[in-house]
Amino acid sequence: MPEQFAEFGQFGAFILTTLWVHGPWSPLLPAAYEPVLMVFGKLYPPLLIAAVGATLSCCVEALNYKVYNWMAGIPQLDRLREQAVSGRLVKLFEKKPFLVVWLFAWTPAPDWAARILGVLSGFPLKKYLLAFLLGRFPKFLFLAWLGRELPISTKALLIIAVCTVFIGYGTAIIRARRARPVASDL
């Protein structure tokens, strides 16, 4: 019985990490999930990890869509919204939104860009989630399989995952400090 609790605890850690890393704060966690997939790909069948990871990440994407949609209505973000709706990517998104979301889901491109475009364009939530699911499943399967096949220890992968999170937060803090206006002495 204690072994079953340990097994549940390990898999529970995967579930909680998946939900946390794909939440609305995911722009602060670049590349934090890839080593996690590789760690759990060593512990469980890669197909299981990919299926659960892709499904749970899409559940969180539904929340992200709602949060980003709410944020899109905040007047203080008008300038950011204007910047987001310019450029070549937007032109492609206008023609092939499903393709763009799918590409962002399976490539190293930042998912938050697809979230912003999806929300601002009014891309239907069901299609948005399907594109993420179809993009993330093969990506997650590959990474879980890679974790199983590469001769990297679980400990090393965990260290990489933790360092990635700290680097992401550190970068965000530094950017936020640089973006603040400097108070002048009067």
C-alpha atoms as a PDB file:
ATOM      1  CA  MET A   1       0.000   0.000   0.000  1.00  0.00           C
ATOM      2  CA  PRO A   2       2.764   2.583   0.736  1.00  0.00           C
ATOM      3  CA  GLU A   3       4.184   1.914  -2.749  1.00  0.00           C
ATOM      4  CA  GLN A   4       0.822   2.880  -4.267  1.00  0.00           C
ATOM      5  CA  PHE A   5       0.844   6.155  -2.319  1.00  0.00           C
ATOM      6  CA  ALA A   6       4.371   6.877  -3.512  1.00  0.00           C
ATOM      7  CA  GLU A   7       3.283   6.126  -7.097  1.00  0.00           C
ATOM      8  CA  PHE A   8       0.259   8.391  -6.702  1.00  0.00           C
ATOM      9  CA  GLY A   9       2.487  11.091  -5.216  1.00  0.00           C
ATOM     10  CA  GLN A  10       4.889  10.944  -8.147  1.00  0.00           C
ATOM     11  CA  PHE A  11       2.133  11.073 -10.730  1.00  0.00           C
ATOM     12  CA  GLY A  12       0.341  13.745  -8.700  1.00  0.00           C
ATOM     13  CA  ALA A  13       3.513  15.829  -8.874  1.00  0.00           C
ATOM     14  CA  PHE A  14       3.389  15.508 -12.671  1.00  0.00           C
ATOM     15  CA  ILE A  15      -0.255  16.605 -12.727  1.00  0.00           C
ATOM     16  CA  LEU A  16       0.330  19.614 -10.476  1.00  0.00           C
ATOM     17  CA  THR A  17       3.446  20.655 -12.398  1.00  0.00           C
ATOM     18  CA  THR A  18       1.547  20.428 -15.678  1.00  0.00           C
ATOM     19  CA  LEU A  19      -1.238  22.631 -14.345  1.00  0.00           C
ATOM     20  CA  TRP A  20       1.183  25.148 -12.806  1.00  0.00           C
ATOM     21  CA  VAL A  21       3.569  25.477 -15.734  1.00  0.00           C
ATOM     22  CA  HIS A  22       0.768  25.987 -18.285  1.00  0.00           C
ATOM     23  CA  GLY A  23      -1.197  28.511 -16.244  1.00  0.00           C
ATOM     24  CA  PRO A  24      -1.596  32.198 -17.046  1.00  0.00           C
ATOM     25  CA  TRP A  25       1.904  32.801 -15.633  1.00  0.00           C
ATOM     26  CA  SER A  26       3.537  30.497 -18.186  1.00  0.00           C
ATOM     27  CA  PRO A  27       5.296  33.389 -20.008  1.00  0.00           C
ATOM     28  CA  LEU A  28       7.496  33.563 -16.901  1.00  0.00           C
ATOM     29  CA  LEU A  29       8.396  29.881 -17.217  1.00  0.00           C
ATOM     30  CA  PRO A  30       9.985  29.467 -20.645  1.00  0.00           C
ATOM     31  CA  ALA A  31      11.100  25.904 -21.361  1.00  0.00           C
ATOM     32  CA  ALA A  32      10.331  24.761 -17.806  1.00  0.00           C
ATOM     33  CA  TYR A  33       8.063  21.908 -18.876  1.00  0.00           C
ATOM     34  CA  GLU A  34      10.360  20.138 -21.322  1.00  0.00           C
ATOM     35  CA  PRO A  35      12.703  18.719 -18.649  1.00  0.00           C
ATOM     36  CA  VAL A  36       9.651  17.747 -16.574  1.00  0.00           C
ATOM     37  CA  LEU A  37       8.315  15.694 -19.492  1.00  0.00           C
ATOM     38  CA  MET A  38      11.707  14.067 -19.849  1.00  0.00           C
ATOM     39  CA  VAL A  39      11.856  13.198 -16.124  1.00  0.00           C
ATOM     40  CA  PHE A  40       8.413  11.649 -16.097  1.00  0.00           C
ATOM     41  CA  GLY A  41       9.109   9.931 -19.421  1.00  0.00           C
ATOM     42  CA  LYS A  42      11.765   7.973 -17.519  1.00  0.00           C
ATOM     43  CA  LEU A  43       9.266   7.020 -14.810  1.00  0.00           C
ATOM     44  CA  TYR A  44       6.125   6.250 -16.844  1.00  0.00           C
ATOM     45  CA  PRO A  45       5.244   5.203 -20.395  1.00  0.00           C
ATOM     46  CA  PRO A  46       5.832   8.196 -22.695  1.00  0.00           C
ATOM     47  CA  LEU A  47       2.412   7.705 -24.303  1.00  0.00           C
ATOM     48  CA  LEU A  48       0.720   8.105 -20.903  1.00  0.00           C
ATOM     49  CA  ILE A  49       2.775  11.205 -20.085  1.00  0.00           C
ATOM     50  CA  ALA A  50       1.997  12.770 -23.465  1.00  0.00           C
ATOM     51  CA  ALA A  51      -1.734  12.024 -23.258  1.00  0.00           C
ATOM     52  CA  VAL A  52      -2.142  13.290 -19.692  1.00  0.00           C
ATOM     53  CA  GLY A  53       0.183  16.257 -20.209  1.00  0.00           C
ATOM     54  CA  ALA A  54      -1.498  17.392 -23.431  1.00  0.00           C
ATOM     55  CA  THR A  55      -5.003  16.957 -22.024  1.00  0.00           C
ATOM     56  CA  LEU A  56      -4.277  18.789 -18.765  1.00  0.00           C
ATOM     57  CA  SER A  57      -2.397  21.563 -20.534  1.00  0.00           C
ATOM     58  CA  CYS A  58      -5.426  22.102 -22.780  1.00  0.00           C
ATOM     59  CA  CYS A  59      -7.707  22.274 -19.726  1.00  0.00           C
ATOM     60  CA  VAL A  60      -5.480  25.061 -18.427  1.00  0.00           C
ATOM     61  CA  GLU A  61      -5.490  26.678 -21.880  1.00  0.00           C
ATOM     62  CA  ALA A  62      -9.256  27.092 -21.522  1.00  0.00           C
ATOM     63  CA  LEU A  63      -8.592  29.074 -18.336  1.00  0.00           C
ATOM     64  CA  ASN A  64      -5.764  30.996 -20.028  1.00  0.00           C
ATOM     65  CA  TYR A  65      -8.101  31.925 -22.873  1.00  0.00           C
ATOM     66  CA  LYS A  66     -10.622  33.327 -20.394  1.00  0.00           C
ATOM     67  CA  VAL A  67      -7.941  35.212 -18.427  1.00  0.00           C
ATOM     68  CA  TYR A  68      -6.364  36.686 -21.556  1.00  0.00           C
ATOM     69  CA  ASN A  69      -9.837  37.576 -22.866  1.00  0.00           C
ATOM     70  CA  TRP A  70     -10.572  39.428 -19.618  1.00  0.00           C
ATOM     71  CA  MET A  71      -7.177  41.149 -19.778  1.00  0.00           C
ATOM     72  CA  ALA A  72      -7.817  42.208 -23.381  1.00  0.00           C
ATOM     73  CA  GLY A  73     -10.509  44.548 -22.086  1.00  0.00           C
ATOM     74  CA  ILE A  74      -8.189  46.415 -19.713  1.00  0.00           C
ATOM     75  CA  PRO A  75      -7.629  49.937 -21.131  1.00  0.00           C
ATOM     76  CA  GLN A  76      -4.074  50.155 -19.749  1.00  0.00           C
ATOM     77  CA  LEU A  77      -3.079  47.337 -22.100  1.00  0.00           C
ATOM     78  CA  ASP A  78      -4.178  49.137 -25.283  1.00  0.00           C
ATOM     79  CA  ARG A  79      -0.583  49.811 -26.365  1.00  0.00           C
ATOM     80  CA  LEU A  80       0.406  46.166 -25.911  1.00  0.00           C
ATOM     81  CA  ARG A  81      -2.717  45.057 -27.800  1.00  0.00           C
ATOM     82  CA  GLU A  82      -1.845  47.364 -30.706  1.00  0.00           C
ATOM     83  CA  GLN A  83       1.679  45.947 -30.877  1.00  0.00           C
ATOM     84  CA  ALA A  84       0.328  42.393 -30.787  1.00  0.00           C
ATOM     85  CA  VAL A  85      -1.956  42.900 -33.771  1.00  0.00           C
ATOM     86  CA  SER A  86       0.751  44.104 -36.141  1.00  0.00           C
ATOM     87  CA  GLY A  87       3.271  42.115 -38.107  1.00  0.00           C
ATOM     88  CA  ARG A  88       3.575  39.081 -40.355  1.00  0.00           C
ATOM     89  CA  LEU A  89       2.417  36.561 -37.783  1.00  0.00           C
ATOM     90  CA  VAL A  90      -0.907  38.339 -37.446  1.00  0.00           C
ATOM     91  CA  LYS A  91      -1.365  38.306 -41.204  1.00  0.00           C
ATOM     92  CA  LEU A  92      -0.770  34.543 -41.239  1.00  0.00           C
ATOM     93  CA  PHE A  93      -3.062  34.137 -38.231  1.00  0.00           C
ATOM     94  CA  GLU A  94      -5.832  35.998 -40.055  1.00  0.00           C
ATOM     95  CA  LYS A  95      -5.584  33.502 -42.923  1.00  0.00           C
ATOM     96  CA  LYS A  96      -4.847  30.275 -41.018  1.00  0.00           C
ATOM     97  CA  PRO A  97      -5.537  30.659 -37.268  1.00  0.00           C
ATOM     98  CA  PHE A  98      -5.704  26.913 -36.569  1.00  0.00           C
ATOM     99  CA  LEU A  99      -2.342  26.374 -38.259  1.00  0.00           C
ATOM    100  CA  VAL A 100      -0.674  29.173 -36.269  1.00  0.00           C
ATOM    101  CA  VAL A 101      -1.941  27.895 -32.909  1.00  0.00           C
ATOM    102  CA  TRP A 102      -0.945  24.347 -33.862  1.00  0.00           C
ATOM    103  CA  LEU A 103       2.557  25.508 -34.867  1.00  0.00           C
ATOM    104  CA  PHE A 104       3.014  27.373 -31.594  1.00  0.00           C
ATOM    105  CA  ALA A 105       1.840  24.305 -29.675  1.00  0.00           C
ATOM    106  CA  TRP A 106       4.404  21.876 -31.124  1.00  0.00           C
ATOM    107  CA  THR A 107       7.372  24.144 -31.739  1.00  0.00           C
ATOM    108  CA  PRO A 108       9.580  26.003 -29.255  1.00  0.00           C
ATOM    109  CA  ALA A 109       7.736  29.233 -30.139  1.00  0.00           C
ATOM    110  CA  PRO A 110       6.195  30.901 -27.059  1.00  0.00           C
ATOM    111  CA  ASP A 111       2.621  29.706 -26.447  1.00  0.00           C
ATOM    112  CA  TRP A 112       1.556  33.058 -25.029  1.00  0.00           C
ATOM    113  CA  ALA A 113       1.810  34.618 -28.498  1.00  0.00           C
ATOM    114  CA  ALA A 114      -0.823  32.180 -29.786  1.00  0.00           C
ATOM    115  CA  ARG A 115      -2.975  32.926 -26.726  1.00  0.00           C
ATOM    116  CA  ILE A 116      -2.900  36.649 -27.404  1.00  0.00           C
ATOM    117  CA  LEU A 117      -3.662  36.217 -31.090  1.00  0.00           C
ATOM    118  CA  GLY A 118      -6.406  33.691 -30.392  1.00  0.00           C
ATOM    119  CA  VAL A 119      -8.152  35.939 -27.917  1.00  0.00           C
ATOM    120  CA  LEU A 120      -7.770  39.188 -29.849  1.00  0.00           C
ATOM    121  CA  SER A 121      -9.045  37.586 -33.047  1.00  0.00           C
ATOM    122  CA  GLY A 122     -11.987  35.890 -31.365  1.00  0.00           C
ATOM    123  CA  PHE A 123     -10.777  32.465 -32.539  1.00  0.00           C
ATOM    124  CA  PRO A 124     -13.382  29.948 -31.266  1.00  0.00           C
ATOM    125  CA  LEU A 125     -12.310  28.308 -28.009  1.00  0.00           C
ATOM    126  CA  LYS A 126     -13.013  24.724 -29.158  1.00  0.00           C
ATOM    127  CA  LYS A 127     -10.858  25.089 -32.282  1.00  0.00           C
ATOM    128  CA  TYR A 128      -8.191  26.857 -30.241  1.00  0.00           C
ATOM    129  CA  LEU A 129      -8.054  23.982 -27.741  1.00  0.00           C
ATOM    130  CA  LEU A 130      -8.078  21.343 -30.477  1.00  0.00           C
ATOM    131  CA  ALA A 131      -5.125  23.031 -32.200  1.00  0.00           C
ATOM    132  CA  PHE A 132      -3.202  23.073 -28.912  1.00  0.00           C
ATOM    133  CA  LEU A 133      -4.033  19.431 -28.211  1.00  0.00           C
ATOM    134  CA  LEU A 134      -2.980  18.282 -31.685  1.00  0.00           C
ATOM    135  CA  GLY A 135       0.241  20.267 -31.445  1.00  0.00           C
ATOM    136  CA  ARG A 136       1.214  19.428 -27.891  1.00  0.00           C
ATOM    137  CA  PHE A 137       0.551  15.689 -27.947  1.00  0.00           C
ATOM    138  CA  PRO A 138       3.307  14.789 -30.465  1.00  0.00           C
ATOM    139  CA  LYS A 139       5.683  17.314 -28.905  1.00  0.00           C
ATOM    140  CA  PHE A 140       5.098  15.915 -25.406  1.00  0.00           C
ATOM    141  CA  LEU A 141       5.348  12.340 -26.673  1.00  0.00           C
ATOM    142  CA  PHE A 142       8.701  13.081 -28.284  1.00  0.00           C
ATOM    143  CA  LEU A 143      10.068  14.770 -25.153  1.00  0.00           C
ATOM    144  CA  ALA A 144       8.861  11.976 -22.838  1.00  0.00           C
ATOM    145  CA  TRP A 145      10.376   9.408 -25.192  1.00  0.00           C
ATOM    146  CA  LEU A 146      13.600  11.415 -25.345  1.00  0.00           C
ATOM    147  CA  GLY A 147      13.761  11.447 -21.544  1.00  0.00           C
ATOM    148  CA  ARG A 148      13.486   7.689 -21.533  1.00  0.00           C
ATOM    149  CA  GLU A 149      16.126   7.205 -24.223  1.00  0.00           C
ATOM    150  CA  LEU A 150      18.768   9.802 -23.314  1.00  0.00           C
ATOM    151  CA  PRO A 151      21.426   8.804 -20.805  1.00  0.00           C
ATOM    152  CA  ILE A 152      20.687  11.771 -18.523  1.00  0.00           C
ATOM    153  CA  SER A 153      19.883  11.081 -14.902  1.00  0.00           C
ATOM    154  CA  THR A 154      16.546  12.043 -13.406  1.00  0.00           C
ATOM    155  CA  LYS A 155      18.409  14.218 -10.919  1.00  0.00           C
ATOM    156  CA  ALA A 156      20.155  16.147 -13.714  1.00  0.00           C
ATOM    157  CA  LEU A 157      16.817  16.700 -15.489  1.00  0.00           C
ATOM    158  CA  LEU A 158      15.243  17.970 -12.269  1.00  0.00           C
ATOM    159  CA  ILE A 159      18.125  20.377 -11.752  1.00  0.00           C
ATOM    160  CA  ILE A 160      17.685  21.629 -15.326  1.00  0.00           C
ATOM    161  CA  ALA A 161      13.936  22.128 -14.741  1.00  0.00           C
ATOM    162  CA  VAL A 162      14.445  24.057 -11.504  1.00  0.00           C
ATOM    163  CA  CYS A 163      17.208  26.208 -13.012  1.00  0.00           C
ATOM    164  CA  THR A 164      14.995  26.995 -15.990  1.00  0.00           C
ATOM    165  CA  VAL A 165      12.239  28.242 -13.684  1.00  0.00           C
ATOM    166  CA  PHE A 166      14.669  30.427 -11.726  1.00  0.00           C
ATOM    167  CA  ILE A 167      16.169  31.826 -14.920  1.00  0.00           C
ATOM    168  CA  GLY A 168      12.666  32.587 -16.234  1.00  0.00           C
ATOM    169  CA  TYR A 169      11.666  34.413 -13.072  1.00  0.00           C
ATOM    170  CA  GLY A 170      15.020  36.195 -12.869  1.00  0.00           C
ATOM    171  CA  THR A 171      14.691  37.396 -16.443  1.00  0.00           C
ATOM    172  CA  ALA A 172      11.144  38.619 -15.801  1.00  0.00           C
ATOM    173  CA  ILE A 173      12.225  40.525 -12.687  1.00  0.00           C
ATOM    174  CA  ILE A 174      15.152  42.151 -14.490  1.00  0.00           C
ATOM    175  CA  ARG A 175      12.920  43.163 -17.420  1.00  0.00           C
ATOM    176  CA  ALA A 176      10.313  44.586 -15.070  1.00  0.00           C
ATOM    177  CA  ARG A 177      12.925  46.657 -13.241  1.00  0.00           C
ATOM    178  CA  ARG A 178      14.372  47.980 -16.496  1.00  0.00           C
ATOM    179  CA  ALA A 179      10.915  48.878 -17.782  1.00  0.00           C
ATOM    180  CA  ARG A 180      10.092  51.032 -14.750  1.00  0.00           C
ATOM    181  CA  PRO A 181      10.464  54.744 -15.306  1.00  0.00           C
ATOM    182  CA  VAL A 182      13.300  56.244 -13.327  1.00  0.00           C
ATOM    183  CA  ALA A 183      12.132  58.763 -10.749  1.00  0.00           C
ATOM    184  CA  SER A 184      13.826  62.097 -11.242  1.00  0.00           C
ATOM    185  CA  ASP A 185      15.034  64.169  -8.337  1.00  0.00           C
ATOM    186  CA  LEU A 186      13.039  67.365  -8.103  1.00  0.00           C
END
